[in-house]
Structure formats: structure tokens, C-alpha cells
Amino acid sequence: GSRYREWMVISMGFAIFAEEEQRQEGTAEDRYRRAAVGCWFTSRGKAIPKLLKYEDDSGCLHMIREIQVLESGERYCGGSPVREYRCRALLEEREVRFWLFYHLDTATWDLAFGENKKFS
């Protein structure tokens, strides 16, 4: 089911993003989740995710810090620009790999765990 919870993350005063309604269905591993993401912006306007916060299926909030971006790129999904980031970080003392998708038209983020996710 869908839940609405609004929360914000402020990372170093550079970016604020609010979580919106979770709209994806499916198993926990193949579902895209909304995430609040704190970014560093370079002097040339490049966004680099530094931390994120998301809610799991049982309602627990998790924060992932010290994100390492392995690769990034831009594509169009339904005519809207989406910036993709393939990342890794430590979560509860184990390495996790995930994708972050920044929707430029709505200024929202999606999170997908796993190595081979692509936004479609």
C-alpha cells in the first residue's frame, strides 16, 4: 500500500528534498522507493549525492551516509530528464549497492537496491 510521510534532510545547507507518496508496488528488492537525498553541488552545477534517508516496508527510517558514486549519467524517461547514479555505501556494517534516480522536472529522488537496476 501507499503511505504518505513528509520528512526532510538538510545536508550541509546545500539541498533539501521532501519524500512524497510511495507509489511503486512489488517486492522490497525490485521496488523503487522515494528517498530524501542530501547533495553537494560543485561550482559547475554537478550534483553529488552524499547521504540519503528512506523508509522500509515496516516503517523504519534508515539513513545511508558517505555514498560513493560509481558512475552517473542522464537519460529521458517518458520525455522527462532523469539523472542516474550507481552507488555503494555501508549500511549497518555491510556494503550495499544501489541506484539513485533524480527527476529533474519534479526535483524528486527514487532509490532502488541492487547492482543492475535501470529506471524505466
PDB file of N, CA and C in Angstrom:
ATOM      1  N   GLY A   1       0.795  -1.188   0.000  1.00  0.00           N
ATOM      2  CA  GLY A   1       0.000   0.000   0.000  1.00  0.00           C
ATOM      3  C   GLY A   1       0.837   1.251   0.000  1.00  0.00           C
ATOM      4  N   SER A   2       0.188   2.332  -0.239  1.00  0.00           N
ATOM      5  CA  SER A   2       0.894   3.612  -0.276  1.00  0.00           C
ATOM      6  C   SER A   2       0.809   4.285   1.076  1.00  0.00           C
ATOM      7  N   ARG A   3       1.867   4.958   1.426  1.00  0.00           N
ATOM      8  CA  ARG A   3       1.898   5.744   2.661  1.00  0.00           C
ATOM      9  C   ARG A   3       2.380   7.128   2.311  1.00  0.00           C
ATOM     10  N   TYR A   4       1.899   8.097   3.043  1.00  0.00           N
ATOM     11  CA  TYR A   4       2.412   9.448   2.835  1.00  0.00           C
ATOM     12  C   TYR A   4       3.087   9.885   4.114  1.00  0.00           C
ATOM     13  N   ARG A   5       4.320  10.232   3.995  1.00  0.00           N
ATOM     14  CA  ARG A   5       5.048  10.763   5.132  1.00  0.00           C
ATOM     15  C   ARG A   5       5.999  11.813   4.583  1.00  0.00           C
ATOM     16  N   GLU A   6       5.981  12.944   5.170  1.00  0.00           N
ATOM     17  CA  GLU A   6       6.848  14.006   4.696  1.00  0.00           C
ATOM     18  C   GLU A   6       7.964  14.194   5.706  1.00  0.00           C
ATOM     19  N   TRP A   7       9.185  14.152   5.231  1.00  0.00           N
ATOM     20  CA  TRP A   7      10.321  14.447   6.082  1.00  0.00           C
ATOM     21  C   TRP A   7      11.408  15.038   5.226  1.00  0.00           C
ATOM     22  N   MET A   8      12.286  15.770   5.841  1.00  0.00           N
ATOM     23  CA  MET A   8      13.314  16.476   5.087  1.00  0.00           C
ATOM     24  C   MET A   8      14.681  16.168   5.652  1.00  0.00           C
ATOM     25  N   VAL A   9      15.648  16.190   4.787  1.00  0.00           N
ATOM     26  CA  VAL A   9      17.040  16.061   5.182  1.00  0.00           C
ATOM     27  C   VAL A   9      17.753  17.299   4.684  1.00  0.00           C
ATOM     28  N   ILE A  10      18.471  17.929   5.568  1.00  0.00           N
ATOM     29  CA  ILE A  10      19.281  19.074   5.162  1.00  0.00           C
ATOM     30  C   ILE A  10      20.736  18.634   5.301  1.00  0.00           C
ATOM     31  N   SER A  11      21.443  18.619   4.201  1.00  0.00           N
ATOM     32  CA  SER A  11      22.831  18.177   4.209  1.00  0.00           C
ATOM     33  C   SER A  11      23.733  19.363   3.922  1.00  0.00           C
ATOM     34  N   MET A  12      24.459  19.798   4.900  1.00  0.00           N
ATOM     35  CA  MET A  12      25.432  20.873   4.756  1.00  0.00           C
ATOM     36  C   MET A  12      24.807  22.141   4.182  1.00  0.00           C
ATOM     37  N   GLY A  13      23.499  22.296   4.298  1.00  0.00           N
ATOM     38  CA  GLY A  13      22.830  23.505   3.839  1.00  0.00           C
ATOM     39  C   GLY A  13      22.748  23.644   2.332  1.00  0.00           C
ATOM     40  N   PHE A  14      23.024  22.593   1.580  1.00  0.00           N
ATOM     41  CA  PHE A  14      23.060  22.717   0.131  1.00  0.00           C
ATOM     42  C   PHE A  14      21.782  22.269  -0.561  1.00  0.00           C
ATOM     43  N   ALA A  15      21.073  21.300   0.003  1.00  0.00           N
ATOM     44  CA  ALA A  15      19.894  20.804  -0.719  1.00  0.00           C
ATOM     45  C   ALA A  15      18.874  20.272   0.261  1.00  0.00           C
ATOM     46  N   ILE A  16      17.616  20.453  -0.074  1.00  0.00           N
ATOM     47  CA  ILE A  16      16.510  19.918   0.710  1.00  0.00           C
ATOM     48  C   ILE A  16      15.568  19.233  -0.264  1.00  0.00           C
ATOM     49  N   PHE A  17      15.242  17.989   0.025  1.00  0.00           N
ATOM     50  CA  PHE A  17      14.293  17.261  -0.807  1.00  0.00           C
ATOM     51  C   PHE A  17      13.292  16.599   0.117  1.00  0.00           C
ATOM     52  N   ALA A  18      12.043  16.600  -0.229  1.00  0.00           N
ATOM     53  CA  ALA A  18      10.997  16.011   0.598  1.00  0.00           C
ATOM     54  C   ALA A  18      10.534  14.703  -0.022  1.00  0.00           C
ATOM     55  N   GLU A  19      10.310  13.736   0.841  1.00  0.00           N
ATOM     56  CA  GLU A  19       9.784  12.459   0.375  1.00  0.00           C
ATOM     57  C   GLU A  19       8.323  12.640   0.002  1.00  0.00           C
ATOM     58  N   GLU A  20       7.871  11.974  -1.044  1.00  0.00           N
ATOM     59  CA  GLU A  20       6.473  12.003  -1.443  1.00  0.00           C
ATOM     60  C   GLU A  20       5.879  10.627  -1.251  1.00  0.00           C
ATOM     61  N   GLU A  21       4.656  10.457  -1.698  1.00  0.00           N
ATOM     62  CA  GLU A  21       3.941   9.205  -1.538  1.00  0.00           C
ATOM     63  C   GLU A  21       4.654   8.074  -2.256  1.00  0.00           C
ATOM     64  N   GLN A  22       4.808   6.930  -1.564  1.00  0.00           N
ATOM     65  CA  GLN A  22       5.373   5.767  -2.226  1.00  0.00           C
ATOM     66  C   GLN A  22       4.324   5.239  -3.177  1.00  0.00           C
ATOM     67  N   ARG A  23       4.722   5.050  -4.456  1.00  0.00           N
ATOM     68  CA  ARG A  23       3.738   4.687  -5.456  1.00  0.00           C
ATOM     69  C   ARG A  23       4.063   3.380  -6.158  1.00  0.00           C
ATOM     70  N   GLN A  24       5.197   2.787  -5.848  1.00  0.00           N
ATOM     71  CA  GLN A  24       5.582   1.580  -6.529  1.00  0.00           C
ATOM     72  C   GLN A  24       5.066   0.352  -5.784  1.00  0.00           C
ATOM     73  N   GLU A  25       4.785  -0.688  -6.522  1.00  0.00           N
ATOM     74  CA  GLU A  25       4.354  -1.957  -5.954  1.00  0.00           C
ATOM     75  C   GLU A  25       5.401  -3.006  -6.283  1.00  0.00           C
ATOM     76  N   GLY A  26       5.313  -4.173  -5.655  1.00  0.00           N
ATOM     77  CA  GLY A  26       6.258  -5.247  -5.926  1.00  0.00           C
ATOM     78  C   GLY A  26       6.981  -5.639  -4.656  1.00  0.00           C
ATOM     79  N   THR A  27       7.987  -6.503  -4.798  1.00  0.00           N
ATOM     80  CA  THR A  27       8.746  -6.939  -3.638  1.00  0.00           C
ATOM     81  C   THR A  27       9.678  -5.841  -3.196  1.00  0.00           C
ATOM     82  N   ALA A  28      10.206  -5.982  -1.987  1.00  0.00           N
ATOM     83  CA  ALA A  28      11.096  -4.950  -1.445  1.00  0.00           C
ATOM     84  C   ALA A  28      12.349  -4.791  -2.300  1.00  0.00           C
ATOM     85  N   GLU A  29      12.823  -5.870  -2.925  1.00  0.00           N
ATOM     86  CA  GLU A  29      14.061  -5.786  -3.680  1.00  0.00           C
ATOM     87  C   GLU A  29      13.880  -5.181  -5.065  1.00  0.00           C
ATOM     88  N   ASP A  30      12.704  -5.285  -5.665  1.00  0.00           N
ATOM     89  CA  ASP A  30      12.556  -4.725  -7.002  1.00  0.00           C
ATOM     90  C   ASP A  30      11.684  -3.478  -7.031  1.00  0.00           C
ATOM     91  N   ARG A  31      11.360  -2.924  -5.888  1.00  0.00           N
ATOM     92  CA  ARG A  31      10.538  -1.716  -5.832  1.00  0.00           C
ATOM     93  C   ARG A  31      11.420  -0.477  -5.766  1.00  0.00           C
ATOM     94  N   TYR A  32      11.003   0.539  -6.457  1.00  0.00           N
ATOM     95  CA  TYR A  32      11.654   1.832  -6.364  1.00  0.00           C
ATOM     96  C   TYR A  32      10.998   2.585  -5.221  1.00  0.00           C
ATOM     97  N   ARG A  33      11.811   3.143  -4.352  1.00  0.00           N
ATOM     98  CA  ARG A  33      11.319   3.870  -3.179  1.00  0.00           C
ATOM     99  C   ARG A  33      11.644   5.350  -3.336  1.00  0.00           C
ATOM    100  N   ARG A  34      10.816   6.185  -2.764  1.00  0.00           N
ATOM    101  CA  ARG A  34      11.146   7.602  -2.669  1.00  0.00           C
ATOM    102  C   ARG A  34      12.221   7.741  -1.602  1.00  0.00           C
ATOM    103  N   ALA A  35      13.090   8.716  -1.787  1.00  0.00           N
ATOM    104  CA  ALA A  35      14.157   8.954  -0.820  1.00  0.00           C
ATOM    105  C   ALA A  35      14.382  10.448  -0.666  1.00  0.00           C
ATOM    106  N   ALA A  36      14.825  10.829   0.505  1.00  0.00           N
ATOM    107  CA  ALA A  36      15.295  12.191   0.743  1.00  0.00           C
ATOM    108  C   ALA A  36      16.810  12.130   0.595  1.00  0.00           C
ATOM    109  N   VAL A  37      17.374  12.996  -0.237  1.00  0.00           N
ATOM    110  CA  VAL A  37      18.797  12.937  -0.560  1.00  0.00           C
ATOM    111  C   VAL A  37      19.438  14.292  -0.305  1.00  0.00           C
ATOM    112  N   GLY A  38      20.579  14.263   0.387  1.00  0.00           N
ATOM    113  CA  GLY A  38      21.386  15.465   0.592  1.00  0.00           C
ATOM    114  C   GLY A  38      22.539  15.441  -0.392  1.00  0.00           C
ATOM    115  N   CYS A  39      22.742  16.527  -1.112  1.00  0.00           N
ATOM    116  CA  CYS A  39      23.752  16.585  -2.173  1.00  0.00           C
ATOM    117  C   CYS A  39      24.759  17.696  -1.932  1.00  0.00           C
ATOM    118  N   TRP A  40      25.907  17.489  -2.500  1.00  0.00           N
ATOM    119  CA  TRP A  40      26.918  18.523  -2.634  1.00  0.00           C
ATOM    120  C   TRP A  40      26.837  18.986  -4.083  1.00  0.00           C
ATOM    121  N   PHE A  41      26.837  20.288  -4.315  1.00  0.00           N
ATOM    122  CA  PHE A  41      26.823  20.815  -5.674  1.00  0.00           C
ATOM    123  C   PHE A  41      28.169  21.476  -5.947  1.00  0.00           C
ATOM    124  N   THR A  42      28.809  21.066  -7.042  1.00  0.00           N
ATOM    125  CA  THR A  42      30.093  21.646  -7.395  1.00  0.00           C
ATOM    126  C   THR A  42      29.894  23.056  -7.952  1.00  0.00           C
ATOM    127  N   SER A  43      30.988  23.766  -8.149  1.00  0.00           N
ATOM    128  CA  SER A  43      30.903  25.125  -8.692  1.00  0.00           C
ATOM    129  C   SER A  43      30.391  25.127 -10.132  1.00  0.00           C
ATOM    130  N   ARG A  44      30.417  23.977 -10.790  1.00  0.00           N
ATOM    131  CA  ARG A  44      29.914  23.867 -12.164  1.00  0.00           C
ATOM    132  C   ARG A  44      28.495  23.299 -12.222  1.00  0.00           C
ATOM    133  N   GLY A  45      27.864  23.124 -11.058  1.00  0.00           N
ATOM    134  CA  GLY A  45      26.470  22.693 -11.022  1.00  0.00           C
ATOM    135  C   GLY A  45      26.252  21.190 -11.000  1.00  0.00           C
ATOM    136  N   LYS A  46      27.310  20.404 -10.863  1.00  0.00           N
ATOM    137  CA  LYS A  46      27.176  18.949 -10.808  1.00  0.00           C
ATOM    138  C   LYS A  46      26.724  18.542  -9.404  1.00  0.00           C
ATOM    139  N   ALA A  47      25.654  17.737  -9.343  1.00  0.00           N
ATOM    140  CA  ALA A  47      25.128  17.261  -8.057  1.00  0.00           C
ATOM    141  C   ALA A  47      25.807  15.942  -7.696  1.00  0.00           C
ATOM    142  N   ILE A  48      26.287  15.843  -6.448  1.00  0.00           N
ATOM    143  CA  ILE A  48      26.929  14.622  -5.957  1.00  0.00           C
ATOM    144  C   ILE A  48      26.190  14.192  -4.693  1.00  0.00           C
ATOM    145  N   PRO A  49      25.427  13.090  -4.744  1.00  0.00           N
ATOM    146  CA  PRO A  49      24.724  12.615  -3.541  1.00  0.00           C
ATOM    147  C   PRO A  49      25.709  12.274  -2.430  1.00  0.00           C
ATOM    148  N   LYS A  50      25.416  12.726  -1.209  1.00  0.00           N
ATOM    149  CA  LYS A  50      26.279  12.473  -0.059  1.00  0.00           C
ATOM    150  C   LYS A  50      25.599  11.626   1.012  1.00  0.00           C
ATOM    151  N   LEU A  51      24.291  11.769   1.161  1.00  0.00           N
ATOM    152  CA  LEU A  51      23.560  10.951   2.126  1.00  0.00           C
ATOM    153  C   LEU A  51      22.124  10.823   1.675  1.00  0.00           C
ATOM    154  N   LEU A  52      21.459   9.795   2.197  1.00  0.00           N
ATOM    155  CA  LEU A  52      20.044   9.631   1.869  1.00  0.00           C
ATOM    156  C   LEU A  52      19.312   9.034   3.054  1.00  0.00           C
ATOM    157  N   LYS A  53      18.014   9.187   3.017  1.00  0.00           N
ATOM    158  CA  LYS A  53      17.135   8.668   4.054  1.00  0.00           C
ATOM    159  C   LYS A  53      15.932   8.059   3.352  1.00  0.00           C
ATOM    160  N   TYR A  54      15.538   6.856   3.791  1.00  0.00           N
ATOM    161  CA  TYR A  54      14.377   6.197   3.196  1.00  0.00           C
ATOM    162  C   TYR A  54      13.650   5.402   4.269  1.00  0.00           C
ATOM    163  N   GLU A  55      12.412   5.034   3.961  1.00  0.00           N
ATOM    164  CA  GLU A  55      11.576   4.262   4.870  1.00  0.00           C
ATOM    165  C   GLU A  55      11.418   2.856   4.296  1.00  0.00           C
ATOM    166  N   ASP A  56      11.642   1.830   5.147  1.00  0.00           N
ATOM    167  CA  ASP A  56      11.473   0.458   4.680  1.00  0.00           C
ATOM    168  C   ASP A  56      10.013   0.032   4.795  1.00  0.00           C
ATOM    169  N   ASP A  57       9.726  -1.216   4.412  1.00  0.00           N
ATOM    170  CA  ASP A  57       8.351  -1.710   4.391  1.00  0.00           C
ATOM    171  C   ASP A  57       7.697  -1.749   5.770  1.00  0.00           C
ATOM    172  N   SER A  58       8.505  -1.839   6.836  1.00  0.00           N
ATOM    173  CA  SER A  58       7.917  -1.862   8.179  1.00  0.00           C
ATOM    174  C   SER A  58       7.842  -0.486   8.825  1.00  0.00           C
ATOM    175  N   GLY A  59       8.162   0.560   8.051  1.00  0.00           N
ATOM    176  CA  GLY A  59       8.022   1.916   8.568  1.00  0.00           C
ATOM    177  C   GLY A  59       9.261   2.452   9.262  1.00  0.00           C
ATOM    178  N   CYS A  60      10.352   1.688   9.291  1.00  0.00           N
ATOM    179  CA  CYS A  60      11.593   2.153   9.920  1.00  0.00           C
ATOM    180  C   CYS A  60      12.353   3.056   8.960  1.00  0.00           C
ATOM    181  N   LEU A  61      12.868   4.137   9.504  1.00  0.00           N
ATOM    182  CA  LEU A  61      13.667   5.058   8.703  1.00  0.00           C
ATOM    183  C   LEU A  61      15.133   4.639   8.754  1.00  0.00           C
ATOM    184  N   HIS A  62      15.790   4.698   7.613  1.00  0.00           N
ATOM    185  CA  HIS A  62      17.208   4.355   7.520  1.00  0.00           C
ATOM    186  C   HIS A  62      17.943   5.513   6.866  1.00  0.00           C
ATOM    187  N   MET A  63      19.160   5.749   7.353  1.00  0.00           N
ATOM    188  CA  MET A  63      20.000   6.780   6.757  1.00  0.00           C
ATOM    189  C   MET A  63      21.265   6.110   6.239  1.00  0.00           C
ATOM    190  N   ILE A  64      21.656   6.457   5.040  1.00  0.00           N
ATOM    191  CA  ILE A  64      22.901   5.983   4.454  1.00  0.00           C
ATOM    192  C   ILE A  64      23.785   7.199   4.250  1.00  0.00           C
ATOM    193  N   ARG A  65      24.973   7.150   4.850  1.00  0.00           N
ATOM    194  CA  ARG A  65      25.926   8.254   4.747  1.00  0.00           C
ATOM    195  C   ARG A  65      27.120   7.818   3.910  1.00  0.00           C
ATOM    196  N   GLU A  66      27.932   8.775   3.565  1.00  0.00           N
ATOM    197  CA  GLU A  66      29.184   8.525   2.850  1.00  0.00           C
ATOM    198  C   GLU A  66      28.959   7.681   1.599  1.00  0.00           C
ATOM    199  N   ILE A  67      28.077   8.153   0.756  1.00  0.00           N
ATOM    200  CA  ILE A  67      27.766   7.488  -0.506  1.00  0.00           C
ATOM    201  C   ILE A  67      28.939   7.664  -1.474  1.00  0.00           C
ATOM    202  N   GLN A  68      29.326   6.571  -2.100  1.00  0.00           N
ATOM    203  CA  GLN A  68      30.332   6.629  -3.154  1.00  0.00           C
ATOM    204  C   GLN A  68      29.624   6.437  -4.491  1.00  0.00           C
ATOM    205  N   VAL A  69      29.708   7.438  -5.347  1.00  0.00           N
ATOM    206  CA  VAL A  69      29.105   7.349  -6.683  1.00  0.00           C
ATOM    207  C   VAL A  69      30.092   6.621  -7.589  1.00  0.00           C
ATOM    208  N   LEU A  70      29.653   5.488  -8.147  1.00  0.00           N
ATOM    209  CA  LEU A  70      30.497   4.684  -9.029  1.00  0.00           C
ATOM    210  C   LEU A  70      30.413   5.144 -10.473  1.00  0.00           C
ATOM    211  N   GLU A  71      29.230   5.571 -10.878  1.00  0.00           N
ATOM    212  CA  GLU A  71      29.038   6.131 -12.218  1.00  0.00           C
ATOM    213  C   GLU A  71      27.738   6.926 -12.224  1.00  0.00           C
ATOM    214  N   SER A  72      27.613   7.817 -13.176  1.00  0.00           N
ATOM    215  CA  SER A  72      26.378   8.593 -13.302  1.00  0.00           C
ATOM    216  C   SER A  72      26.148   8.918 -14.767  1.00  0.00           C
ATOM    217  N   GLY A  73      24.915   9.244 -15.072  1.00  0.00           N
ATOM    218  CA  GLY A  73      24.554   9.592 -16.433  1.00  0.00           C
ATOM    219  C   GLY A  73      23.162  10.177 -16.469  1.00  0.00           C
ATOM    220  N   GLU A  74      22.772  10.661 -17.629  1.00  0.00           N
ATOM    221  CA  GLU A  74      21.442  11.239 -17.777  1.00  0.00           C
ATOM    222  C   GLU A  74      20.711  10.532 -18.904  1.00  0.00           C
ATOM    223  N   ARG A  75      19.422  10.338 -18.717  1.00  0.00           N
ATOM    224  CA  ARG A  75      18.575   9.740 -19.743  1.00  0.00           C
ATOM    225  C   ARG A  75      17.210  10.400 -19.669  1.00  0.00           C
ATOM    226  N   TYR A  76      16.360  10.044 -20.607  1.00  0.00           N
ATOM    227  CA  TYR A  76      14.992  10.551 -20.611  1.00  0.00           C
ATOM    228  C   TYR A  76      14.048   9.389 -20.360  1.00  0.00           C
ATOM    229  N   CYS A  77      13.082   9.610 -19.498  1.00  0.00           N
ATOM    230  CA  CYS A  77      12.070   8.609 -19.177  1.00  0.00           C
ATOM    231  C   CYS A  77      10.705   9.265 -19.377  1.00  0.00           C
ATOM    232  N   GLY A  78       9.960   8.813 -20.361  1.00  0.00           N
ATOM    233  CA  GLY A  78       8.669   9.421 -20.658  1.00  0.00           C
ATOM    234  C   GLY A  78       8.791  10.879 -21.039  1.00  0.00           C
ATOM    235  N   GLY A  79       9.897  11.249 -21.660  1.00  0.00           N
ATOM    236  CA  GLY A  79      10.110  12.628 -22.079  1.00  0.00           C
ATOM    237  C   GLY A  79      10.687  13.538 -21.013  1.00  0.00           C
ATOM    238  N   SER A  80      10.877  13.011 -19.797  1.00  0.00           N
ATOM    239  CA  SER A  80      11.409  13.816 -18.699  1.00  0.00           C
ATOM    240  C   SER A  80      12.853  13.415 -18.405  1.00  0.00           C
ATOM    241  N   PRO A  81      13.717  14.401 -18.142  1.00  0.00           N
ATOM    242  CA  PRO A  81      15.114  14.073 -17.849  1.00  0.00           C
ATOM    243  C   PRO A  81      15.271  13.443 -16.466  1.00  0.00           C
ATOM    244  N   VAL A  82      16.091  12.386 -16.405  1.00  0.00           N
ATOM    245  CA  VAL A  82      16.381  11.681 -15.151  1.00  0.00           C
ATOM    246  C   VAL A  82      17.889  11.519 -15.060  1.00  0.00           C
ATOM    247  N   ARG A  83      18.455  11.900 -13.937  1.00  0.00           N
ATOM    248  CA  ARG A  83      19.883  11.709 -13.683  1.00  0.00           C
ATOM    249  C   ARG A  83      20.039  10.432 -12.870  1.00  0.00           C
ATOM    250  N   GLU A  84      20.863   9.483 -13.353  1.00  0.00           N
ATOM    251  CA  GLU A  84      21.068   8.199 -12.679  1.00  0.00           C
ATOM    252  C   GLU A  84      22.425   8.180 -11.980  1.00  0.00           C
ATOM    253  N   TYR A  85      22.456   7.575 -10.796  1.00  0.00           N
ATOM    254  CA  TYR A  85      23.696   7.411 -10.050  1.00  0.00           C
ATOM    255  C   TYR A  85      23.790   5.960  -9.585  1.00  0.00           C
ATOM    256  N   ARG A  86      24.832   5.245  -9.994  1.00  0.00           N
ATOM    257  CA  ARG A  86      25.105   3.906  -9.462  1.00  0.00           C
ATOM    258  C   ARG A  86      26.043   4.116  -8.288  1.00  0.00           C
ATOM    259  N   CYS A  87      25.653   3.609  -7.107  1.00  0.00           N
ATOM    260  CA  CYS A  87      26.351   3.946  -5.866  1.00  0.00           C
ATOM    261  C   CYS A  87      26.638   2.719  -5.016  1.00  0.00           C
ATOM    262  N   ARG A  88      27.507   2.939  -4.031  1.00  0.00           N
ATOM    263  CA  ARG A  88      27.716   1.964  -2.970  1.00  0.00           C
ATOM    264  C   ARG A  88      27.981   2.725  -1.685  1.00  0.00           C
ATOM    265  N   ALA A  89      27.674   2.049  -0.563  1.00  0.00           N
ATOM    266  CA  ALA A  89      27.880   2.643   0.756  1.00  0.00           C
ATOM    267  C   ALA A  89      27.775   1.538   1.799  1.00  0.00           C
ATOM    268  N   LEU A  90      28.102   1.872   3.029  1.00  0.00           N
ATOM    269  CA  LEU A  90      27.925   0.929   4.122  1.00  0.00           C
ATOM    270  C   LEU A  90      26.584   1.183   4.786  1.00  0.00           C
ATOM    271  N   LEU A  91      25.844   0.118   5.003  1.00  0.00           N
ATOM    272  CA  LEU A  91      24.571   0.180   5.718  1.00  0.00           C
ATOM    273  C   LEU A  91      24.604  -0.913   6.762  1.00  0.00           C
ATOM    274  N   GLU A  92      24.584  -0.501   8.027  1.00  0.00           N
ATOM    275  CA  GLU A  92      24.644  -1.442   9.147  1.00  0.00           C
ATOM    276  C   GLU A  92      25.831  -2.393   8.986  1.00  0.00           C
ATOM    277  N   GLU A  93      26.995  -1.818   8.699  1.00  0.00           N
ATOM    278  CA  GLU A  93      28.282  -2.505   8.610  1.00  0.00           C
ATOM    279  C   GLU A  93      28.407  -3.493   7.452  1.00  0.00           C
ATOM    280  N   ARG A  94      27.569  -3.361   6.434  1.00  0.00           N
ATOM    281  CA  ARG A  94      27.752  -4.181   5.238  1.00  0.00           C
ATOM    282  C   ARG A  94      27.614  -3.283   4.020  1.00  0.00           C
ATOM    283  N   GLU A  95      28.356  -3.664   2.967  1.00  0.00           N
ATOM    284  CA  GLU A  95      28.307  -2.866   1.743  1.00  0.00           C
ATOM    285  C   GLU A  95      27.016  -3.136   1.000  1.00  0.00           C
ATOM    286  N   VAL A  96      26.363  -2.067   0.569  1.00  0.00           N
ATOM    287  CA  VAL A  96      25.176  -2.182  -0.268  1.00  0.00           C
ATOM    288  C   VAL A  96      25.434  -1.408  -1.555  1.00  0.00           C
ATOM    289  N   ARG A  97      24.858  -1.915  -2.633  1.00  0.00           N
ATOM    290  CA  ARG A  97      24.926  -1.237  -3.925  1.00  0.00           C
ATOM    291  C   ARG A  97      23.504  -0.850  -4.302  1.00  0.00           C
ATOM    292  N   PHE A  98      23.375   0.321  -4.880  1.00  0.00           N
ATOM    293  CA  PHE A  98      22.042   0.835  -5.176  1.00  0.00           C
ATOM    294  C   PHE A  98      22.124   1.872  -6.272  1.00  0.00           C
ATOM    295  N   TRP A  99      20.960   2.208  -6.792  1.00  0.00           N
ATOM    296  CA  TRP A  99      20.810   3.259  -7.797  1.00  0.00           C
ATOM    297  C   TRP A  99      19.999   4.393  -7.203  1.00  0.00           C
ATOM    298  N   LEU A 100      20.377   5.613  -7.510  1.00  0.00           N
ATOM    299  CA  LEU A 100      19.579   6.798  -7.204  1.00  0.00           C
ATOM    300  C   LEU A 100      19.172   7.435  -8.528  1.00  0.00           C
ATOM    301  N   PHE A 101      17.923   7.864  -8.592  1.00  0.00           N
ATOM    302  CA  PHE A 101      17.388   8.498  -9.795  1.00  0.00           C
ATOM    303  C   PHE A 101      16.820   9.858  -9.412  1.00  0.00           C
ATOM    304  N   TYR A 102      17.389  10.910  -9.963  1.00  0.00           N
ATOM    305  CA  TYR A 102      16.920  12.261  -9.697  1.00  0.00           C
ATOM    306  C   TYR A 102      16.085  12.727 -10.879  1.00  0.00           C
ATOM    307  N   HIS A 103      14.812  13.038 -10.613  1.00  0.00           N
ATOM    308  CA  HIS A 103      13.876  13.500 -11.633  1.00  0.00           C
ATOM    309  C   HIS A 103      13.955  15.028 -11.679  1.00  0.00           C
ATOM    310  N   LEU A 104      14.565  15.544 -12.733  1.00  0.00           N
ATOM    311  CA  LEU A 104      14.807  16.983 -12.818  1.00  0.00           C
ATOM    312  C   LEU A 104      13.524  17.803 -12.864  1.00  0.00           C
ATOM    313  N   ASP A 105      12.481  17.278 -13.488  1.00  0.00           N
ATOM    314  CA  ASP A 105      11.240  18.057 -13.627  1.00  0.00           C
ATOM    315  C   ASP A 105      10.458  18.175 -12.330  1.00  0.00           C
ATOM    316  N   THR A 106      10.588  17.202 -11.413  1.00  0.00           N
ATOM    317  CA  THR A 106       9.845  17.243 -10.149  1.00  0.00           C
ATOM    318  C   THR A 106      10.744  17.422  -8.930  1.00  0.00           C
ATOM    319  N   ALA A 107      12.065  17.430  -9.131  1.00  0.00           N
ATOM    320  CA  ALA A 107      13.052  17.542  -8.041  1.00  0.00           C
ATOM    321  C   ALA A 107      12.827  16.476  -6.979  1.00  0.00           C
ATOM    322  N   THR A 108      12.536  15.237  -7.426  1.00  0.00           N
ATOM    323  CA  THR A 108      12.344  14.117  -6.504  1.00  0.00           C
ATOM    324  C   THR A 108      13.362  13.026  -6.806  1.00  0.00           C
ATOM    325  N   TRP A 109      13.587  12.154  -5.821  1.00  0.00           N
ATOM    326  CA  TRP A 109      14.554  11.072  -5.921  1.00  0.00           C
ATOM    327  C   TRP A 109      13.857   9.736  -5.747  1.00  0.00           C
ATOM    328  N   ASP A 110      14.309   8.735  -6.507  1.00  0.00           N
ATOM    329  CA  ASP A 110      13.917   7.341  -6.307  1.00  0.00           C
ATOM    330  C   ASP A 110      15.172   6.556  -5.971  1.00  0.00           C
ATOM    331  N   LEU A 111      14.999   5.510  -5.185  1.00  0.00           N
ATOM    332  CA  LEU A 111      16.075   4.635  -4.740  1.00  0.00           C
ATOM    333  C   LEU A 111      15.719   3.208  -5.126  1.00  0.00           C
ATOM    334  N   ALA A 112      16.687   2.462  -5.647  1.00  0.00           N
ATOM    335  CA  ALA A 112      16.490   1.042  -5.959  1.00  0.00           C
ATOM    336  C   ALA A 112      17.745   0.300  -5.527  1.00  0.00           C
ATOM    337  N   PHE A 113      17.570  -0.712  -4.687  1.00  0.00           N
ATOM    338  CA  PHE A 113      18.701  -1.517  -4.258  1.00  0.00           C
ATOM    339  C   PHE A 113      19.044  -2.545  -5.317  1.00  0.00           C
ATOM    340  N   GLY A 114      20.307  -2.875  -5.431  1.00  0.00           N
ATOM    341  CA  GLY A 114      20.775  -3.861  -6.394  1.00  0.00           C
ATOM    342  C   GLY A 114      21.769  -3.240  -7.351  1.00  0.00           C
ATOM    343  N   GLU A 115      22.479  -4.088  -8.046  1.00  0.00           N
ATOM    344  CA  GLU A 115      23.544  -3.650  -8.935  1.00  0.00           C
ATOM    345  C   GLU A 115      23.040  -3.279 -10.322  1.00  0.00           C
ATOM    346  N   ASN A 116      22.036  -3.990 -10.818  1.00  0.00           N
ATOM    347  CA  ASN A 116      21.673  -3.868 -12.232  1.00  0.00           C
ATOM    348  C   ASN A 116      20.350  -3.168 -12.491  1.00  0.00           C
ATOM    349  N   LYS A 117      19.912  -2.320 -11.597  1.00  0.00           N
ATOM    350  CA  LYS A 117      18.654  -1.592 -11.801  1.00  0.00           C
ATOM    351  C   LYS A 117      18.869  -0.477 -12.795  1.00  0.00           C
ATOM    352  N   LYS A 118      17.906  -0.264 -13.629  1.00  0.00           N
ATOM    353  CA  LYS A 118      17.876   0.896 -14.508  1.00  0.00           C
ATOM    354  C   LYS A 118      16.460   1.451 -14.444  1.00  0.00           C
ATOM    355  N   PHE A 119      16.337   2.749 -14.493  1.00  0.00           N
ATOM    356  CA  PHE A 119      14.994   3.351 -14.417  1.00  0.00           C
ATOM    357  C   PHE A 119      14.314   3.190 -15.752  1.00  0.00           C
ATOM    358  N   SER A 120      13.073   2.724 -15.708  1.00  0.00           N
ATOM    359  CA  SER A 120      12.329   2.570 -16.962  1.00  0.00           C
ATOM    360  C   SER A 120      10.906   3.024 -16.781  1.00  0.00           C
TER     361      SER A 120
END
